[in-house]
Amino acid sequence: MRIYDEAHALAKAIKESSEYKRMVQTQKRVMENPKDWEMVTDYMKKQMEVQTLQMMGQEPSQKQVESFNQMTGALMAIPAIAEYFQAQYAFSQIYQDVMKIITEGMDLGL
């Protein structure tokens, strides 16, 4: 089917993008240091917890916010991790833009 061919072509184009390649490259660099990668995964878990609370209409506690902000500052002080997060953000922008284009193109009202 043509639609699946187009989807595969889009996936290939995304994987060939400089944003995707940079994200993968910086992730590999961080993963080379198990302690750094553990800190990144812990951070992402905390980030998910905060986002989940917010989606449920709850505000995170002051302690959670302070802990999260301290963790953010500490991680961003590590150049390899900061570069990974920047690359991840740049890729997520591309991904969100593509999803928006698809959604708007189907006129689903989302």
PDB file of N, CA and C in Angstrom:
ATOM      1  N   MET A   1       0.833  -1.188   0.000  1.00  0.00           N
ATOM      2  CA  MET A   1       0.000   0.000   0.000  1.00  0.00           C
ATOM      3  C   MET A   1       0.875   1.247   0.000  1.00  0.00           C
ATOM      4  N   ARG A   2       0.433   2.226  -0.685  1.00  0.00           N
ATOM      5  CA  ARG A   2       1.182   3.470  -0.833  1.00  0.00           C
ATOM      6  C   ARG A   2       1.391   4.184   0.495  1.00  0.00           C
ATOM      7  N   ILE A   3       0.392   4.188   1.352  1.00  0.00           N
ATOM      8  CA  ILE A   3       0.518   4.921   2.611  1.00  0.00           C
ATOM      9  C   ILE A   3       1.654   4.350   3.473  1.00  0.00           C
ATOM     10  N   TYR A   4       1.819   3.038   3.459  1.00  0.00           N
ATOM     11  CA  TYR A   4       2.896   2.428   4.230  1.00  0.00           C
ATOM     12  C   TYR A   4       4.251   2.750   3.619  1.00  0.00           C
ATOM     13  N   ASP A   5       4.303   2.792   2.305  1.00  0.00           N
ATOM     14  CA  ASP A   5       5.547   3.176   1.640  1.00  0.00           C
ATOM     15  C   ASP A   5       5.933   4.601   2.026  1.00  0.00           C
ATOM     16  N   GLU A   6       4.949   5.486   2.049  1.00  0.00           N
ATOM     17  CA  GLU A   6       5.198   6.873   2.433  1.00  0.00           C
ATOM     18  C   GLU A   6       5.655   6.964   3.891  1.00  0.00           C
ATOM     19  N   ALA A   7       5.034   6.171   4.750  1.00  0.00           N
ATOM     20  CA  ALA A   7       5.412   6.172   6.170  1.00  0.00           C
ATOM     21  C   ALA A   7       6.849   5.689   6.338  1.00  0.00           C
ATOM     22  N   HIS A   8       7.219   4.658   5.601  1.00  0.00           N
ATOM     23  CA  HIS A   8       8.603   4.156   5.666  1.00  0.00           C
ATOM     24  C   HIS A   8       9.584   5.202   5.126  1.00  0.00           C
ATOM     25  N   ALA A   9       9.185   5.892   4.071  1.00  0.00           N
ATOM     26  CA  ALA A   9      10.041   6.941   3.512  1.00  0.00           C
ATOM     27  C   ALA A   9      10.213   8.083   4.511  1.00  0.00           C
ATOM     28  N   LEU A  10       9.136   8.448   5.197  1.00  0.00           N
ATOM     29  CA  LEU A  10       9.220   9.497   6.213  1.00  0.00           C
ATOM     30  C   LEU A  10      10.130   9.065   7.359  1.00  0.00           C
ATOM     31  N   ALA A  11       9.977   7.830   7.817  1.00  0.00           N
ATOM     32  CA  ALA A  11      10.838   7.326   8.896  1.00  0.00           C
ATOM     33  C   ALA A  11      12.301   7.354   8.478  1.00  0.00           C
ATOM     34  N   LYS A  12      12.564   6.977   7.238  1.00  0.00           N
ATOM     35  CA  LYS A  12      13.936   6.991   6.728  1.00  0.00           C
ATOM     36  C   LYS A  12      14.474   8.420   6.681  1.00  0.00           C
ATOM     37  N   ALA A  13      13.649   9.345   6.210  1.00  0.00           N
ATOM     38  CA  ALA A  13      14.070  10.748   6.141  1.00  0.00           C
ATOM     39  C   ALA A  13      14.370  11.299   7.534  1.00  0.00           C
ATOM     40  N   ILE A  14      13.552  10.934   8.496  1.00  0.00           N
ATOM     41  CA  ILE A  14      13.785  11.381   9.876  1.00  0.00           C
ATOM     42  C   ILE A  14      15.092  10.813  10.398  1.00  0.00           C
ATOM     43  N   LYS A  15      15.317   9.531  10.165  1.00  0.00           N
ATOM     44  CA  LYS A  15      16.549   8.896  10.643  1.00  0.00           C
ATOM     45  C   LYS A  15      17.793   9.466   9.962  1.00  0.00           C
ATOM     46  N   GLU A  16      17.629   9.996   8.775  1.00  0.00           N
ATOM     47  CA  GLU A  16      18.756  10.574   8.040  1.00  0.00           C
ATOM     48  C   GLU A  16      18.961  12.052   8.362  1.00  0.00           C
ATOM     49  N   SER A  17      18.056  12.629   9.157  1.00  0.00           N
ATOM     50  CA  SER A  17      18.177  14.050   9.491  1.00  0.00           C
ATOM     51  C   SER A  17      19.363  14.291  10.415  1.00  0.00           C
ATOM     52  N   SER A  18      19.925  15.477  10.312  1.00  0.00           N
ATOM     53  CA  SER A  18      21.063  15.817  11.172  1.00  0.00           C
ATOM     54  C   SER A  18      20.648  15.850  12.638  1.00  0.00           C
ATOM     55  N   GLU A  19      19.399  16.239  12.904  1.00  0.00           N
ATOM     56  CA  GLU A  19      18.923  16.294  14.288  1.00  0.00           C
ATOM     57  C   GLU A  19      18.881  14.902  14.913  1.00  0.00           C
ATOM     58  N   TYR A  20      18.370  13.945  14.164  1.00  0.00           N
ATOM     59  CA  TYR A  20      18.297  12.574  14.678  1.00  0.00           C
ATOM     60  C   TYR A  20      19.697  12.003  14.883  1.00  0.00           C
ATOM     61  N   LYS A  21      20.546  12.193  13.884  1.00  0.00           N
ATOM     62  CA  LYS A  21      21.912  11.657  13.971  1.00  0.00           C
ATOM     63  C   LYS A  21      22.668  12.265  15.151  1.00  0.00           C
ATOM     64  N   ARG A  22      22.486  13.565  15.357  1.00  0.00           N
ATOM     65  CA  ARG A  22      23.165  14.228  16.488  1.00  0.00           C
ATOM     66  C   ARG A  22      22.639  13.690  17.814  1.00  0.00           C
ATOM     67  N   MET A  23      21.321  13.477  17.899  1.00  0.00           N
ATOM     68  CA  MET A  23      20.758  12.956  19.140  1.00  0.00           C
ATOM     69  C   MET A  23      21.331  11.569  19.447  1.00  0.00           C
ATOM     70  N   VAL A  24      21.370  10.708  18.451  1.00  0.00           N
ATOM     71  CA  VAL A  24      21.883   9.348  18.645  1.00  0.00           C
ATOM     72  C   VAL A  24      23.365   9.387  19.029  1.00  0.00           C
ATOM     73  N   GLN A  25      24.119  10.226  18.339  1.00  0.00           N
ATOM     74  CA  GLN A  25      25.550  10.340  18.610  1.00  0.00           C
ATOM     75  C   GLN A  25      25.817  10.824  20.039  1.00  0.00           C
ATOM     76  N   THR A  26      25.100  11.853  20.455  1.00  0.00           N
ATOM     77  CA  THR A  26      25.325  12.384  21.805  1.00  0.00           C
ATOM     78  C   THR A  26      24.823  11.412  22.869  1.00  0.00           C
ATOM     79  N   GLN A  27      23.761  10.681  22.560  1.00  0.00           N
ATOM     80  CA  GLN A  27      23.268   9.671  23.507  1.00  0.00           C
ATOM     81  C   GLN A  27      24.322   8.585  23.710  1.00  0.00           C
ATOM     82  N   LYS A  28      24.926   8.126  22.633  1.00  0.00           N
ATOM     83  CA  LYS A  28      25.972   7.098  22.738  1.00  0.00           C
ATOM     84  C   LYS A  28      27.131   7.589  23.589  1.00  0.00           C
ATOM     85  N   ARG A  29      27.489   8.864  23.401  1.00  0.00           N
ATOM     86  CA  ARG A  29      28.588   9.439  24.172  1.00  0.00           C
ATOM     87  C   ARG A  29      28.267   9.436  25.666  1.00  0.00           C
ATOM     88  N   VAL A  30      27.049   9.794  26.018  1.00  0.00           N
ATOM     89  CA  VAL A  30      26.652   9.810  27.429  1.00  0.00           C
ATOM     90  C   VAL A  30      26.607   8.379  27.974  1.00  0.00           C
ATOM     91  N   MET A  31      26.117   7.452  27.172  1.00  0.00           N
ATOM     92  CA  MET A  31      25.992   6.067  27.623  1.00  0.00           C
ATOM     93  C   MET A  31      27.341   5.404  27.872  1.00  0.00           C
ATOM     94  N   GLU A  32      28.394   5.956  27.313  1.00  0.00           N
ATOM     95  CA  GLU A  32      29.738   5.411  27.544  1.00  0.00           C
ATOM     96  C   GLU A  32      30.144   5.540  29.007  1.00  0.00           C
ATOM     97  N   ASN A  33      29.542   6.476  29.714  1.00  0.00           N
ATOM     98  CA  ASN A  33      29.807   6.653  31.137  1.00  0.00           C
ATOM     99  C   ASN A  33      28.551   6.212  31.899  1.00  0.00           C
ATOM    100  N   PRO A  34      28.575   5.001  32.470  1.00  0.00           N
ATOM    101  CA  PRO A  34      27.378   4.467  33.130  1.00  0.00           C
ATOM    102  C   PRO A  34      26.787   5.387  34.203  1.00  0.00           C
ATOM    103  N   LYS A  35      27.622   6.093  34.948  1.00  0.00           N
ATOM    104  CA  LYS A  35      27.110   7.001  35.984  1.00  0.00           C
ATOM    105  C   LYS A  35      26.336   8.155  35.357  1.00  0.00           C
ATOM    106  N   ASP A  36      26.883   8.708  34.280  1.00  0.00           N
ATOM    107  CA  ASP A  36      26.188   9.795  33.596  1.00  0.00           C
ATOM    108  C   ASP A  36      24.849   9.308  33.040  1.00  0.00           C
ATOM    109  N   TRP A  37      24.862   8.128  32.433  1.00  0.00           N
ATOM    110  CA  TRP A  37      23.621   7.612  31.856  1.00  0.00           C
ATOM    111  C   TRP A  37      22.591   7.319  32.946  1.00  0.00           C
ATOM    112  N   GLU A  38      23.038   6.843  34.082  1.00  0.00           N
ATOM    113  CA  GLU A  38      22.123   6.590  35.197  1.00  0.00           C
ATOM    114  C   GLU A  38      21.496   7.903  35.671  1.00  0.00           C
ATOM    115  N   MET A  39      22.305   8.964  35.740  1.00  0.00           N
ATOM    116  CA  MET A  39      21.768  10.264  36.143  1.00  0.00           C
ATOM    117  C   MET A  39      20.736  10.760  35.127  1.00  0.00           C
ATOM    118  N   VAL A  40      21.008  10.543  33.849  1.00  0.00           N
ATOM    119  CA  VAL A  40      20.073  10.971  32.803  1.00  0.00           C
ATOM    120  C   VAL A  40      18.760  10.217  32.922  1.00  0.00           C
ATOM    121  N   THR A  41      18.827   8.913  33.113  1.00  0.00           N
ATOM    122  CA  THR A  41      17.583   8.125  33.207  1.00  0.00           C
ATOM    123  C   THR A  41      16.813   8.484  34.478  1.00  0.00           C
ATOM    124  N   ASP A  42      17.514   8.730  35.574  1.00  0.00           N
ATOM    125  CA  ASP A  42      16.842   9.171  36.806  1.00  0.00           C
ATOM    126  C   ASP A  42      16.148  10.521  36.575  1.00  0.00           C
ATOM    127  N   TYR A  43      16.830  11.406  35.901  1.00  0.00           N
ATOM    128  CA  TYR A  43      16.265  12.721  35.597  1.00  0.00           C
ATOM    129  C   TYR A  43      15.000  12.581  34.750  1.00  0.00           C
ATOM    130  N   MET A  44      15.068  11.744  33.734  1.00  0.00           N
ATOM    131  CA  MET A  44      13.908  11.577  32.859  1.00  0.00           C
ATOM    132  C   MET A  44      12.723  10.969  33.609  1.00  0.00           C
ATOM    133  N   LYS A  45      12.999  10.097  34.571  1.00  0.00           N
ATOM    134  CA  LYS A  45      11.924   9.539  35.399  1.00  0.00           C
ATOM    135  C   LYS A  45      11.274  10.636  36.242  1.00  0.00           C
ATOM    136  N   LYS A  46      12.103  11.482  36.847  1.00  0.00           N
ATOM    137  CA  LYS A  46      11.571  12.581  37.657  1.00  0.00           C
ATOM    138  C   LYS A  46      10.783  13.554  36.777  1.00  0.00           C
ATOM    139  N   GLN A  47      11.290  13.809  35.596  1.00  0.00           N
ATOM    140  CA  GLN A  47      10.603  14.693  34.663  1.00  0.00           C
ATOM    141  C   GLN A  47       9.225  14.126  34.310  1.00  0.00           C
ATOM    142  N   MET A  48       9.162  12.821  34.083  1.00  0.00           N
ATOM    143  CA  MET A  48       7.898  12.165  33.758  1.00  0.00           C
ATOM    144  C   MET A  48       6.928  12.249  34.938  1.00  0.00           C
ATOM    145  N   GLU A  49       7.435  12.088  36.151  1.00  0.00           N
ATOM    146  CA  GLU A  49       6.587  12.193  37.339  1.00  0.00           C
ATOM    147  C   GLU A  49       5.961  13.585  37.442  1.00  0.00           C
ATOM    148  N   VAL A  50       6.773  14.609  37.230  1.00  0.00           N
ATOM    149  CA  VAL A  50       6.283  15.985  37.313  1.00  0.00           C
ATOM    150  C   VAL A  50       5.249  16.237  36.211  1.00  0.00           C
ATOM    151  N   GLN A  51       5.544  15.787  35.004  1.00  0.00           N
ATOM    152  CA  GLN A  51       4.611  15.990  33.887  1.00  0.00           C
ATOM    153  C   GLN A  51       3.305  15.234  34.111  1.00  0.00           C
ATOM    154  N   THR A  52       3.393  14.042  34.671  1.00  0.00           N
ATOM    155  CA  THR A  52       2.191  13.260  34.945  1.00  0.00           C
ATOM    156  C   THR A  52       1.307  13.980  35.952  1.00  0.00           C
ATOM    157  N   LEU A  53       1.916  14.508  37.002  1.00  0.00           N
ATOM    158  CA  LEU A  53       1.149  15.282  37.990  1.00  0.00           C
ATOM    159  C   LEU A  53       0.447  16.460  37.325  1.00  0.00           C
ATOM    160  N   GLN A  54       1.180  17.171  36.489  1.00  0.00           N
ATOM    161  CA  GLN A  54       0.618  18.348  35.838  1.00  0.00           C
ATOM    162  C   GLN A  54      -0.524  17.962  34.895  1.00  0.00           C
ATOM    163  N   MET A  55      -0.386  16.846  34.181  1.00  0.00           N
ATOM    164  CA  MET A  55      -1.454  16.403  33.282  1.00  0.00           C
ATOM    165  C   MET A  55      -2.698  15.991  34.056  1.00  0.00           C
ATOM    166  N   MET A  56      -2.516  15.568  35.293  1.00  0.00           N
ATOM    167  CA  MET A  56      -3.637  15.174  36.131  1.00  0.00           C
ATOM    168  C   MET A  56      -4.226  16.373  36.871  1.00  0.00           C
ATOM    169  N   GLY A  57      -3.705  17.557  36.573  1.00  0.00           N
ATOM    170  CA  GLY A  57      -4.225  18.770  37.186  1.00  0.00           C
ATOM    171  C   GLY A  57      -3.675  19.043  38.569  1.00  0.00           C
ATOM    172  N   GLN A  58      -2.608  18.350  38.938  1.00  0.00           N
ATOM    173  CA  GLN A  58      -1.991  18.546  40.247  1.00  0.00           C
ATOM    174  C   GLN A  58      -0.676  19.294  40.081  1.00  0.00           C
ATOM    175  N   GLU A  59      -0.341  20.041  41.081  1.00  0.00           N
ATOM    176  CA  GLU A  59       0.932  20.744  41.073  1.00  0.00           C
ATOM    177  C   GLU A  59       1.953  19.936  41.869  1.00  0.00           C
ATOM    178  N   PRO A  60       3.177  19.824  41.363  1.00  0.00           N
ATOM    179  CA  PRO A  60       4.210  19.153  42.152  1.00  0.00           C
ATOM    180  C   PRO A  60       4.515  19.956  43.408  1.00  0.00           C
ATOM    181  N   SER A  61       4.960  19.269  44.429  1.00  0.00           N
ATOM    182  CA  SER A  61       5.287  19.953  45.677  1.00  0.00           C
ATOM    183  C   SER A  61       6.507  20.849  45.481  1.00  0.00           C
ATOM    184  N   GLN A  62       6.663  21.785  46.399  1.00  0.00           N
ATOM    185  CA  GLN A  62       7.819  22.684  46.352  1.00  0.00           C
ATOM    186  C   GLN A  62       9.108  21.871  46.420  1.00  0.00           C
ATOM    187  N   LYS A  63       9.092  20.826  47.235  1.00  0.00           N
ATOM    188  CA  LYS A  63      10.275  19.972  47.378  1.00  0.00           C
ATOM    189  C   LYS A  63      10.600  19.280  46.050  1.00  0.00           C
ATOM    190  N   GLN A  64       9.571  18.792  45.364  1.00  0.00           N
ATOM    191  CA  GLN A  64       9.783  18.141  44.070  1.00  0.00           C
ATOM    192  C   GLN A  64      10.350  19.127  43.053  1.00  0.00           C
ATOM    193  N   VAL A  65       9.815  20.332  43.032  1.00  0.00           N
ATOM    194  CA  VAL A  65      10.272  21.353  42.094  1.00  0.00           C
ATOM    195  C   VAL A  65      11.731  21.721  42.376  1.00  0.00           C
ATOM    196  N   GLU A  66      12.056  21.928  43.639  1.00  0.00           N
ATOM    197  CA  GLU A  66      13.428  22.283  44.005  1.00  0.00           C
ATOM    198  C   GLU A  66      14.392  21.160  43.662  1.00  0.00           C
ATOM    199  N   SER A  67      14.014  19.932  43.959  1.00  0.00           N
ATOM    200  CA  SER A  67      14.852  18.776  43.654  1.00  0.00           C
ATOM    201  C   SER A  67      15.079  18.659  42.150  1.00  0.00           C
ATOM    202  N   PHE A  68      14.012  18.834  41.391  1.00  0.00           N
ATOM    203  CA  PHE A  68      14.095  18.749  39.942  1.00  0.00           C
ATOM    204  C   PHE A  68      14.992  19.856  39.382  1.00  0.00           C
ATOM    205  N   ASN A  69      14.832  21.065  39.884  1.00  0.00           N
ATOM    206  CA  ASN A  69      15.644  22.191  39.415  1.00  0.00           C
ATOM    207  C   ASN A  69      17.127  22.003  39.758  1.00  0.00           C
ATOM    208  N   GLN A  70      17.397  21.476  40.948  1.00  0.00           N
ATOM    209  CA  GLN A  70      18.790  21.204  41.331  1.00  0.00           C
ATOM    210  C   GLN A  70      19.391  20.142  40.427  1.00  0.00           C
ATOM    211  N   MET A  71      18.606  19.113  40.146  1.00  0.00           N
ATOM    212  CA  MET A  71      19.074  18.034  39.288  1.00  0.00           C
ATOM    213  C   MET A  71      19.337  18.571  37.874  1.00  0.00           C
ATOM    214  N   THR A  72      18.459  19.440  37.399  1.00  0.00           N
ATOM    215  CA  THR A  72      18.636  20.041  36.072  1.00  0.00           C
ATOM    216  C   THR A  72      19.945  20.819  36.020  1.00  0.00           C
ATOM    217  N   GLY A  73      20.179  21.641  37.015  1.00  0.00           N
ATOM    218  CA  GLY A  73      21.412  22.428  37.064  1.00  0.00           C
ATOM    219  C   GLY A  73      22.653  21.562  37.100  1.00  0.00           C
ATOM    220  N   ALA A  74      22.605  20.509  37.900  1.00  0.00           N
ATOM    221  CA  ALA A  74      23.762  19.618  38.017  1.00  0.00           C
ATOM    222  C   ALA A  74      24.039  18.904  36.691  1.00  0.00           C
ATOM    223  N   LEU A  75      22.984  18.436  36.044  1.00  0.00           N
ATOM    224  CA  LEU A  75      23.178  17.717  34.781  1.00  0.00           C
ATOM    225  C   LEU A  75      23.643  18.642  33.659  1.00  0.00           C
ATOM    226  N   MET A  76      23.113  19.846  33.618  1.00  0.00           N
ATOM    227  CA  MET A  76      23.492  20.775  32.560  1.00  0.00           C
ATOM    228  C   MET A  76      24.926  21.272  32.728  1.00  0.00           C
ATOM    229  N   ALA A  77      25.505  21.053  33.898  1.00  0.00           N
ATOM    230  CA  ALA A  77      26.904  21.416  34.128  1.00  0.00           C
ATOM    231  C   ALA A  77      27.862  20.373  33.564  1.00  0.00           C
ATOM    232  N   ILE A  78      27.320  19.232  33.156  1.00  0.00           N
ATOM    233  CA  ILE A  78      28.138  18.168  32.553  1.00  0.00           C
ATOM    234  C   ILE A  78      28.003  18.317  31.043  1.00  0.00           C
ATOM    235  N   PRO A  79      29.072  18.733  30.364  1.00  0.00           N
ATOM    236  CA  PRO A  79      28.974  19.073  28.937  1.00  0.00           C
ATOM    237  C   PRO A  79      28.346  17.986  28.047  1.00  0.00           C
ATOM    238  N   ALA A  80      28.718  16.735  28.231  1.00  0.00           N
ATOM    239  CA  ALA A  80      28.177  15.671  27.378  1.00  0.00           C
ATOM    240  C   ALA A  80      26.671  15.515  27.576  1.00  0.00           C
ATOM    241  N   ILE A  81      26.218  15.650  28.812  1.00  0.00           N
ATOM    242  CA  ILE A  81      24.785  15.524  29.100  1.00  0.00           C
ATOM    243  C   ILE A  81      24.031  16.743  28.574  1.00  0.00           C
ATOM    244  N   ALA A  82      24.588  17.914  28.769  1.00  0.00           N
ATOM    245  CA  ALA A  82      23.950  19.131  28.262  1.00  0.00           C
ATOM    246  C   ALA A  82      23.805  19.056  26.744  1.00  0.00           C
ATOM    247  N   GLU A  83      24.845  18.587  26.072  1.00  0.00           N
ATOM    248  CA  GLU A  83      24.789  18.459  24.609  1.00  0.00           C
ATOM    249  C   GLU A  83      23.724  17.435  24.196  1.00  0.00           C
ATOM    250  N   TYR A  84      23.627  16.337  24.945  1.00  0.00           N
ATOM    251  CA  TYR A  84      22.604  15.328  24.649  1.00  0.00           C
ATOM    252  C   TYR A  84      21.199  15.916  24.803  1.00  0.00           C
ATOM    253  N   PHE A  85      20.962  16.627  25.897  1.00  0.00           N
ATOM    254  CA  PHE A  85      19.645  17.222  26.115  1.00  0.00           C
ATOM    255  C   PHE A  85      19.319  18.258  25.026  1.00  0.00           C
ATOM    256  N   GLN A  86      20.311  19.029  24.606  1.00  0.00           N
ATOM    257  CA  GLN A  86      20.088  20.004  23.538  1.00  0.00           C
ATOM    258  C   GLN A  86      19.741  19.293  22.225  1.00  0.00           C
ATOM    259  N   ALA A  87      20.447  18.207  21.936  1.00  0.00           N
ATOM    260  CA  ALA A  87      20.183  17.445  20.716  1.00  0.00           C
ATOM    261  C   ALA A  87      18.808  16.784  20.791  1.00  0.00           C
ATOM    262  N   GLN A  88      18.474  16.281  21.960  1.00  0.00           N
ATOM    263  CA  GLN A  88      17.170  15.645  22.160  1.00  0.00           C
ATOM    264  C   GLN A  88      16.050  16.670  21.957  1.00  0.00           C
ATOM    265  N   TYR A  89      16.244  17.864  22.452  1.00  0.00           N
ATOM    266  CA  TYR A  89      15.246  18.920  22.304  1.00  0.00           C
ATOM    267  C   TYR A  89      15.075  19.300  20.831  1.00  0.00           C
ATOM    268  N   ALA A  90      16.196  19.450  20.120  1.00  0.00           N
ATOM    269  CA  ALA A  90      16.135  19.816  18.700  1.00  0.00           C
ATOM    270  C   ALA A  90      15.392  18.740  17.904  1.00  0.00           C
ATOM    271  N   PHE A  91      15.664  17.473  18.216  1.00  0.00           N
ATOM    272  CA  PHE A  91      14.965  16.392  17.521  1.00  0.00           C
ATOM    273  C   PHE A  91      13.487  16.389  17.873  1.00  0.00           C
ATOM    274  N   SER A  92      13.166  16.614  19.134  1.00  0.00           N
ATOM    275  CA  SER A  92      11.756  16.577  19.533  1.00  0.00           C
ATOM    276  C   SER A  92      10.968  17.693  18.840  1.00  0.00           C
ATOM    277  N   GLN A  93      11.615  18.820  18.556  1.00  0.00           N
ATOM    278  CA  GLN A  93      10.953  19.895  17.828  1.00  0.00           C
ATOM    279  C   GLN A  93      10.591  19.453  16.409  1.00  0.00           C
ATOM    280  N   ILE A  94      11.527  18.772  15.757  1.00  0.00           N
ATOM    281  CA  ILE A  94      11.269  18.247  14.405  1.00  0.00           C
ATOM    282  C   ILE A  94      10.120  17.240  14.457  1.00  0.00           C
ATOM    283  N   TYR A  95      10.192  16.341  15.403  1.00  0.00           N
ATOM    284  CA  TYR A  95       9.172  15.295  15.536  1.00  0.00           C
ATOM    285  C   TYR A  95       7.786  15.916  15.772  1.00  0.00           C
ATOM    286  N   GLN A  96       7.716  16.870  16.677  1.00  0.00           N
ATOM    287  CA  GLN A  96       6.437  17.533  16.962  1.00  0.00           C
ATOM    288  C   GLN A  96       5.913  18.279  15.741  1.00  0.00           C
ATOM    289  N   ASP A  97       6.814  18.923  15.010  1.00  0.00           N
ATOM    290  CA  ASP A  97       6.394  19.629  13.796  1.00  0.00           C
ATOM    291  C   ASP A  97       5.808  18.660  12.765  1.00  0.00           C
ATOM    292  N   VAL A  98       6.458  17.522  12.583  1.00  0.00           N
ATOM    293  CA  VAL A  98       5.966  16.521  11.632  1.00  0.00           C
ATOM    294  C   VAL A  98       4.598  16.015  12.062  1.00  0.00           C
ATOM    295  N   MET A  99       4.435  15.726  13.348  1.00  0.00           N
ATOM    296  CA  MET A  99       3.142  15.233  13.832  1.00  0.00           C
ATOM    297  C   MET A  99       2.060  16.296  13.667  1.00  0.00           C
ATOM    298  N   LYS A 100       2.412  17.549  13.866  1.00  0.00           N
ATOM    299  CA  LYS A 100       1.455  18.638  13.686  1.00  0.00           C
ATOM    300  C   LYS A 100       1.034  18.745  12.224  1.00  0.00           C
ATOM    301  N   ILE A 101       1.989  18.636  11.317  1.00  0.00           N
ATOM    302  CA  ILE A 101       1.692  18.695   9.884  1.00  0.00           C
ATOM    303  C   ILE A 101       0.745  17.565   9.497  1.00  0.00           C
ATOM    304  N   ILE A 102       1.013  16.365   9.977  1.00  0.00           N
ATOM    305  CA  ILE A 102       0.160  15.212   9.662  1.00  0.00           C
ATOM    306  C   ILE A 102      -1.239  15.422  10.227  1.00  0.00           C
ATOM    307  N   THR A 103      -1.317  15.827  11.483  1.00  0.00           N
ATOM    308  CA  THR A 103      -2.616  16.017  12.132  1.00  0.00           C
ATOM    309  C   THR A 103      -3.418  17.115  11.435  1.00  0.00           C
ATOM    310  N   GLU A 104      -2.774  18.237  11.147  1.00  0.00           N
ATOM    311  CA  GLU A 104      -3.471  19.330  10.480  1.00  0.00           C
ATOM    312  C   GLU A 104      -3.897  18.945   9.063  1.00  0.00           C
ATOM    313  N   GLY A 105      -3.065  18.141   8.411  1.00  0.00           N
ATOM    314  CA  GLY A 105      -3.377  17.710   7.048  1.00  0.00           C
ATOM    315  C   GLY A 105      -4.600  16.803   6.964  1.00  0.00           C
ATOM    316  N   MET A 106      -4.917  16.148   8.068  1.00  0.00           N
ATOM    317  CA  MET A 106      -6.085  15.254   8.081  1.00  0.00           C
ATOM    318  C   MET A 106      -7.324  15.970   8.568  1.00  0.00           C
ATOM    319  N   ASP A 107      -7.167  17.205   9.049  1.00  0.00           N
ATOM    320  CA  ASP A 107      -8.296  18.008   9.497  1.00  0.00           C
ATOM    321  C   ASP A 107      -9.175  17.252  10.491  1.00  0.00           C
ATOM    322  N   LEU A 108      -8.510  16.700  11.516  1.00  0.00           N
ATOM    323  CA  LEU A 108      -9.230  15.948  12.539  1.00  0.00           C
ATOM    324  C   LEU A 108      -9.734  16.825  13.679  1.00  0.00           C
ATOM    325  N   GLY A 109      -9.333  18.075  13.655  1.00  0.00           N
ATOM    326  CA  GLY A 109      -9.768  18.983  14.704  1.00  0.00           C
ATOM    327  C   GLY A 109      -9.039  18.760  16.019  1.00  0.00           C
ATOM    328  N   LEU A 110      -7.866  18.192  15.961  1.00  0.00           N
ATOM    329  CA  LEU A 110      -7.098  17.928  17.184  1.00  0.00           C
ATOM    330  C   LEU A 110      -6.158  19.081  17.471  1.00  0.00           C
TER     331      LEU A 110
END
